Amino acid sequence: MGKVRSLRAAATFVDRVGIALVFPKPDVVLPSLYEAMAGPGPIRWMEELEDGKAVLTDEVARLWGWKDELAAERLVCAGKHVRGWPSLVSLPILSSLYALTERPGTAEDFRAANLSPLEDEVAEVVREQAPVSSREIRLALGVKDTRAVNRALDALQRMLILTRAGTIEQEQGWPGTAYDILARRYADDLRRIPRPEEARANLARVVLKVVGDLSAADLAAALGFRRAAAADALDRLADEGSARPRQEEGVTIWVTARARPARTR
């Protein structure tokens, strides 16, 4: 498959892989949109122009904009939803990821979550005013501590309470990230939320399809499962015939049922 060169191609890539990081993480098996655009290898953040000025590389600059456009157009679900890393989730797999929260998928279900006072206040502002930026949230709460609000926003994204909804123009500086309640923004995609054990198997199936061979440790590191839960999810795939286990140096590796020999580790 060729490199991703358009917004629509980026959305198609995320739909194909199910879950993608925005930028690659060392020793994490999930694919990244950056690598789909730029190819494998270290991230090239900056490049130097002829006049000596340093600017973002074309790939990073495009990716920075695309992650916001993908969210704004609801082509994928974008935010710090996978272990707190900037990530992109295809809408067909979103309900399985959400199932791990064990919440019912309503715009107010965060009220039953174990939130800090500030996290609860931030979530309520977003519920009432979305799409809303971090600056607007601070103004609504009368809070000047930017770092504290940003920490709350990150935590609420990890819990799949908030999601990104594009950008909001500001009087000064760069546009601000817009936030919305995830369960409300993607209500149509959360009409059926599977049981957690079914959801973990669905997620394992998605990752295994892309990677081709997977250990429980790989899956746990990628999605934040407990090792035993990751192994149970992969065993479910073996039971249904879509994966088969084998031993490699004393470690169980699950491979797709039609897979060729595993990649060199």
Protein backbone atom coordinates (compact mmCIF):
# COMPACT_ATOMS: atom_id res chain seq x y z
CA MET A 1 0.00 0.00 0.00
CA GLY A 2 1.31 3.46 -0.94
CA LYS A 3 1.89 6.30 1.46
CA VAL A 4 -1.09 8.24 2.80
CA ARG A 5 -1.27 11.55 0.96
CA SER A 6 -4.75 12.96 1.66
CA LEU A 7 -7.21 13.42 4.49
CA ARG A 8 -9.58 10.84 3.03
CA ALA A 9 -6.74 8.38 2.63
CA ALA A 10 -5.86 8.99 6.29
CA ALA A 11 -9.43 8.17 7.32
CA THR A 12 -9.34 5.03 5.16
CA PHE A 13 -6.07 3.99 6.80
CA VAL A 14 -7.57 4.32 10.29
CA ASP A 15 -10.65 2.37 9.23
CA ARG A 16 -8.39 -0.38 7.86
CA VAL A 17 -6.21 -0.73 10.97
CA GLY A 18 -8.92 0.04 13.57
CA ILE A 19 -6.69 1.85 16.04
CA ALA A 20 -3.66 3.97 15.14
CA LEU A 21 -1.35 6.19 17.11
CA VAL A 22 -0.72 9.64 15.69
CA PHE A 23 3.04 9.19 16.14
CA PRO A 24 4.79 5.82 16.67
CA LYS A 25 5.82 4.66 20.14
CA PRO A 26 8.89 2.47 20.67
CA ASP A 27 8.05 -1.19 21.38
CA VAL A 28 4.31 -0.61 20.82
CA VAL A 29 2.85 -2.74 18.04
CA LEU A 30 0.07 -0.32 17.05
CA PRO A 31 0.51 1.31 13.65
CA SER A 32 0.83 5.09 13.39
CA LEU A 33 -0.53 7.58 10.90
CA TYR A 34 2.87 9.26 10.79
CA GLU A 35 4.52 6.07 9.52
CA ALA A 36 1.69 5.59 7.02
CA MET A 37 2.51 9.07 5.69
CA ALA A 38 6.30 9.17 5.98
CA GLY A 39 7.35 5.52 6.08
CA PRO A 40 9.31 3.70 8.81
CA GLY A 41 12.21 5.29 10.63
CA PRO A 42 12.81 8.03 13.19
CA ILE A 43 10.39 10.95 13.27
CA ARG A 44 11.71 13.94 11.35
CA TRP A 45 10.21 16.84 13.28
CA MET A 46 12.06 19.78 11.75
CA GLU A 47 13.88 20.68 8.56
CA GLU A 48 16.08 23.63 7.72
CA LEU A 49 15.25 25.98 4.84
CA GLU A 50 17.84 27.60 2.60
CA ASP A 51 17.74 30.76 4.71
CA GLY A 52 18.58 28.73 7.81
CA LYS A 53 15.08 28.91 9.29
CA ALA A 54 13.86 25.70 10.96
CA VAL A 55 10.29 24.63 10.19
CA LEU A 56 8.16 21.54 10.71
CA THR A 57 8.65 18.86 8.09
CA ASP A 58 5.85 18.54 5.55
CA GLU A 59 4.70 15.23 7.07
CA VAL A 60 4.48 16.58 10.63
CA ALA A 61 2.77 19.80 9.52
CA ARG A 62 0.16 17.89 7.51
CA LEU A 63 -0.38 15.36 10.26
CA TRP A 64 -0.83 18.13 12.83
CA GLY A 65 -3.68 19.53 10.77
CA TRP A 66 -5.18 16.22 9.70
CA LYS A 67 -5.63 14.88 13.21
CA ASP A 68 -7.84 17.90 13.93
CA GLU A 69 -9.70 17.70 10.61
CA LEU A 70 -10.39 14.01 11.07
CA ALA A 71 -11.97 14.80 14.42
CA ALA A 72 -13.87 17.86 13.16
CA GLU A 73 -15.44 15.90 10.30
CA ARG A 74 -16.13 12.88 12.55
CA LEU A 75 -14.28 10.63 10.15
CA VAL A 76 -12.58 8.95 13.13
CA CYS A 77 -12.56 9.44 16.89
CA ALA A 78 -9.41 11.39 17.82
CA GLY A 79 -7.89 12.13 21.20
CA LYS A 80 -5.64 10.77 23.91
CA HIS A 81 -7.81 7.67 24.11
CA VAL A 82 -5.26 4.84 24.07
CA ARG A 83 -3.16 4.86 27.23
CA GLY A 84 -3.10 8.65 27.11
CA TRP A 85 -1.32 8.71 23.75
CA PRO A 86 -2.67 10.81 20.85
CA SER A 87 -4.57 8.22 18.86
CA LEU A 88 -7.18 7.68 16.17
CA VAL A 89 -9.97 5.12 16.52
CA SER A 90 -12.17 3.92 13.68
CA LEU A 91 -15.85 4.37 14.43
CA PRO A 92 -16.77 0.66 13.95
CA ILE A 93 -14.36 -0.35 16.74
CA LEU A 94 -15.14 2.59 19.05
CA SER A 95 -17.88 0.76 20.98
CA SER A 96 -15.43 -2.01 21.89
CA LEU A 97 -12.93 0.48 23.26
CA TYR A 98 -15.70 2.29 25.13
CA ALA A 99 -16.93 -0.99 26.62
CA LEU A 100 -13.77 -1.16 28.71
CA THR A 101 -15.00 1.88 30.68
CA GLU A 102 -18.02 -0.19 31.80
CA ARG A 103 -20.19 2.91 31.38
CA PRO A 104 -23.48 2.78 29.43
CA GLY A 105 -22.54 5.30 26.74
CA THR A 106 -24.67 8.33 27.60
CA ALA A 107 -23.63 11.98 27.69
CA GLU A 108 -23.98 12.03 31.49
CA ASP A 109 -22.46 8.65 32.32
CA PHE A 110 -19.26 10.34 33.55
CA ARG A 111 -21.18 11.39 36.65
CA ALA A 112 -20.88 7.84 37.94
CA ALA A 113 -17.13 7.73 37.28
CA ASN A 114 -14.52 8.27 39.96
CA LEU A 115 -13.44 11.78 38.98
CA SER A 116 -11.52 14.44 40.84
CA PRO A 117 -13.45 17.64 41.61
CA LEU A 118 -11.69 19.52 38.80
CA GLU A 119 -12.23 16.69 36.30
CA ASP A 120 -15.91 16.67 37.17
CA GLU A 121 -16.17 20.44 36.73
CA VAL A 122 -14.36 20.33 33.39
CA ALA A 123 -16.61 17.54 32.12
CA GLU A 124 -19.73 19.50 33.11
CA VAL A 125 -18.53 22.62 31.29
CA VAL A 126 -17.87 20.60 28.16
CA ARG A 127 -21.28 18.92 28.42
CA GLU A 128 -22.95 22.33 28.60
CA GLN A 129 -20.85 24.38 26.17
CA ALA A 130 -19.19 22.04 23.63
CA PRO A 131 -17.40 22.45 21.38
CA VAL A 132 -15.20 24.35 23.79
CA SER A 133 -11.45 25.03 24.11
CA SER A 134 -9.26 24.68 27.18
CA ARG A 135 -9.07 28.48 27.44
CA GLU A 136 -12.87 28.75 27.41
CA ILE A 137 -13.06 26.01 30.04
CA ARG A 138 -10.66 27.91 32.30
CA LEU A 139 -12.69 31.10 31.88
CA ALA A 140 -15.95 29.29 32.63
CA LEU A 141 -14.49 27.79 35.81
CA GLY A 142 -12.53 30.84 36.87
CA VAL A 143 -9.38 28.71 37.02
CA LYS A 144 -6.03 30.23 36.06
CA ASP A 145 -3.95 27.07 36.44
CA THR A 146 -3.48 26.03 32.82
CA ARG A 147 -1.51 22.90 33.69
CA ALA A 148 -4.17 21.63 36.09
CA VAL A 149 -6.92 22.04 33.49
CA ASN A 150 -4.78 20.38 30.81
CA ARG A 151 -4.10 17.45 33.14
CA ALA A 152 -7.83 17.10 33.70
CA LEU A 153 -8.47 17.22 29.95
CA ASP A 154 -5.87 14.51 29.36
CA ALA A 155 -7.32 12.30 32.10
CA LEU A 156 -10.86 12.72 30.76
CA GLN A 157 -9.68 11.70 27.29
CA ARG A 158 -7.97 8.60 28.69
CA MET A 159 -11.29 7.69 30.32
CA LEU A 160 -13.13 8.28 27.00
CA ILE A 161 -15.27 10.96 28.62
CA LEU A 162 -13.99 13.79 26.42
CA THR A 163 -12.85 13.66 22.81
CA ARG A 164 -11.42 16.13 20.36
CA ALA A 165 -13.79 17.93 18.01
CA GLY A 166 -11.51 19.94 15.74
CA THR A 167 -10.24 23.41 16.56
CA ILE A 168 -11.55 26.80 17.66
CA GLU A 169 -10.09 30.06 16.38
CA GLN A 170 -8.67 32.30 19.10
CA GLU A 171 -7.97 36.02 19.21
CA GLN A 172 -4.26 35.38 19.54
CA GLY A 173 -1.97 32.51 18.67
CA TRP A 174 -2.78 29.14 17.18
CA PRO A 175 -6.34 27.76 17.09
CA GLY A 176 -7.26 25.93 20.28
CA THR A 177 -8.30 22.28 20.45
CA ALA A 178 -12.08 21.88 20.70
CA TYR A 179 -13.50 19.29 23.10
CA ASP A 180 -16.83 17.47 23.24
CA ILE A 181 -18.41 14.65 25.25
CA LEU A 182 -17.36 11.48 23.42
CA ALA A 183 -20.52 9.50 24.13
CA ARG A 184 -22.69 12.32 22.81
CA ARG A 185 -20.57 13.11 19.75
CA TYR A 186 -20.51 9.46 18.67
CA ALA A 187 -23.87 8.37 20.06
CA ASP A 188 -24.81 6.51 16.86
CA ASP A 189 -21.64 4.43 17.12
CA LEU A 190 -22.29 3.52 20.76
CA ARG A 191 -25.83 2.18 20.37
CA ARG A 192 -24.59 -1.34 21.05
CA ILE A 193 -21.75 -1.63 23.53
CA PRO A 194 -20.44 -5.19 23.86
CA ARG A 195 -19.60 -6.92 27.12
CA PRO A 196 -16.02 -6.20 28.28
CA GLU A 197 -14.75 -9.71 27.49
CA GLU A 198 -16.26 -9.57 24.00
CA ALA A 199 -14.84 -6.07 23.55
CA ARG A 200 -11.31 -7.16 24.48
CA ALA A 201 -11.54 -10.01 21.96
CA ASN A 202 -12.74 -7.56 19.28
CA LEU A 203 -9.81 -5.25 20.00
CA ALA A 204 -7.35 -8.14 20.03
CA ARG A 205 -8.71 -9.28 16.66
CA VAL A 206 -8.18 -5.82 15.19
CA VAL A 207 -4.60 -5.56 16.43
CA LEU A 208 -3.71 -9.13 15.45
CA LYS A 209 -5.07 -8.61 11.93
CA VAL A 210 -2.69 -5.69 11.43
CA VAL A 211 0.35 -7.12 13.20
CA GLY A 212 0.06 -10.78 12.16
CA ASP A 213 1.53 -12.23 15.37
CA LEU A 214 1.04 -11.06 18.90
CA SER A 215 1.95 -11.98 22.46
CA ALA A 216 -0.20 -11.19 25.48
CA ALA A 217 2.53 -8.77 26.56
CA ASP A 218 2.35 -6.99 23.19
CA LEU A 219 -1.40 -6.58 23.47
CA ALA A 220 -1.25 -5.50 27.10
CA ALA A 221 1.40 -2.87 26.32
CA ALA A 222 -0.55 -1.53 23.35
CA LEU A 223 -4.00 -1.23 24.93
CA GLY A 224 -3.35 -1.23 28.65
CA PHE A 225 -4.92 -4.61 29.37
CA ARG A 226 -3.76 -6.74 32.26
CA ARG A 227 -1.56 -9.54 30.92
CA ALA A 228 -4.06 -12.23 31.92
CA ALA A 229 -6.95 -10.36 30.28
CA ALA A 230 -4.89 -9.98 27.09
CA ALA A 231 -4.15 -13.72 27.06
CA ASP A 232 -7.84 -14.52 27.62
CA ALA A 233 -8.80 -12.27 24.68
CA LEU A 234 -6.30 -13.99 22.39
CA ASP A 235 -7.47 -17.42 23.56
CA ARG A 236 -11.02 -16.42 22.54
CA LEU A 237 -9.71 -15.78 19.03
CA ALA A 238 -8.08 -19.21 19.02
CA ASP A 239 -11.35 -20.81 20.17
CA GLU A 240 -13.24 -19.16 17.32
CA GLY A 241 -10.60 -20.23 14.80
CA SER A 242 -9.30 -16.80 13.80
CA ALA A 243 -5.95 -17.24 15.59
CA ARG A 244 -3.68 -20.07 16.63
CA PRO A 245 -1.12 -20.15 19.45
CA ARG A 246 2.42 -21.37 19.19
CA GLN A 247 5.47 -21.33 21.41
CA GLU A 248 8.51 -19.17 20.75
CA GLU A 249 11.34 -19.52 23.26
CA GLY A 250 8.84 -20.36 25.99
CA VAL A 251 6.49 -17.49 25.12
CA THR A 252 3.03 -18.04 23.65
CA ILE A 253 2.54 -16.14 20.40
CA TRP A 254 -0.84 -15.96 18.71
CA VAL A 255 -0.85 -15.68 14.92
CA THR A 256 -3.66 -15.14 12.48
CA ALA A 257 -5.03 -18.49 11.38
CA ARG A 258 -3.96 -17.88 7.80
CA ALA A 259 -0.68 -16.20 8.72
CA ARG A 260 2.65 -17.02 7.16
CA PRO A 261 5.71 -17.49 9.39
CA ALA A 262 6.06 -14.75 12.02
CA ARG A 263 8.23 -11.68 11.58
CA THR A 264 11.72 -11.77 13.05
CA ARG A 265 11.69 -10.40 16.56
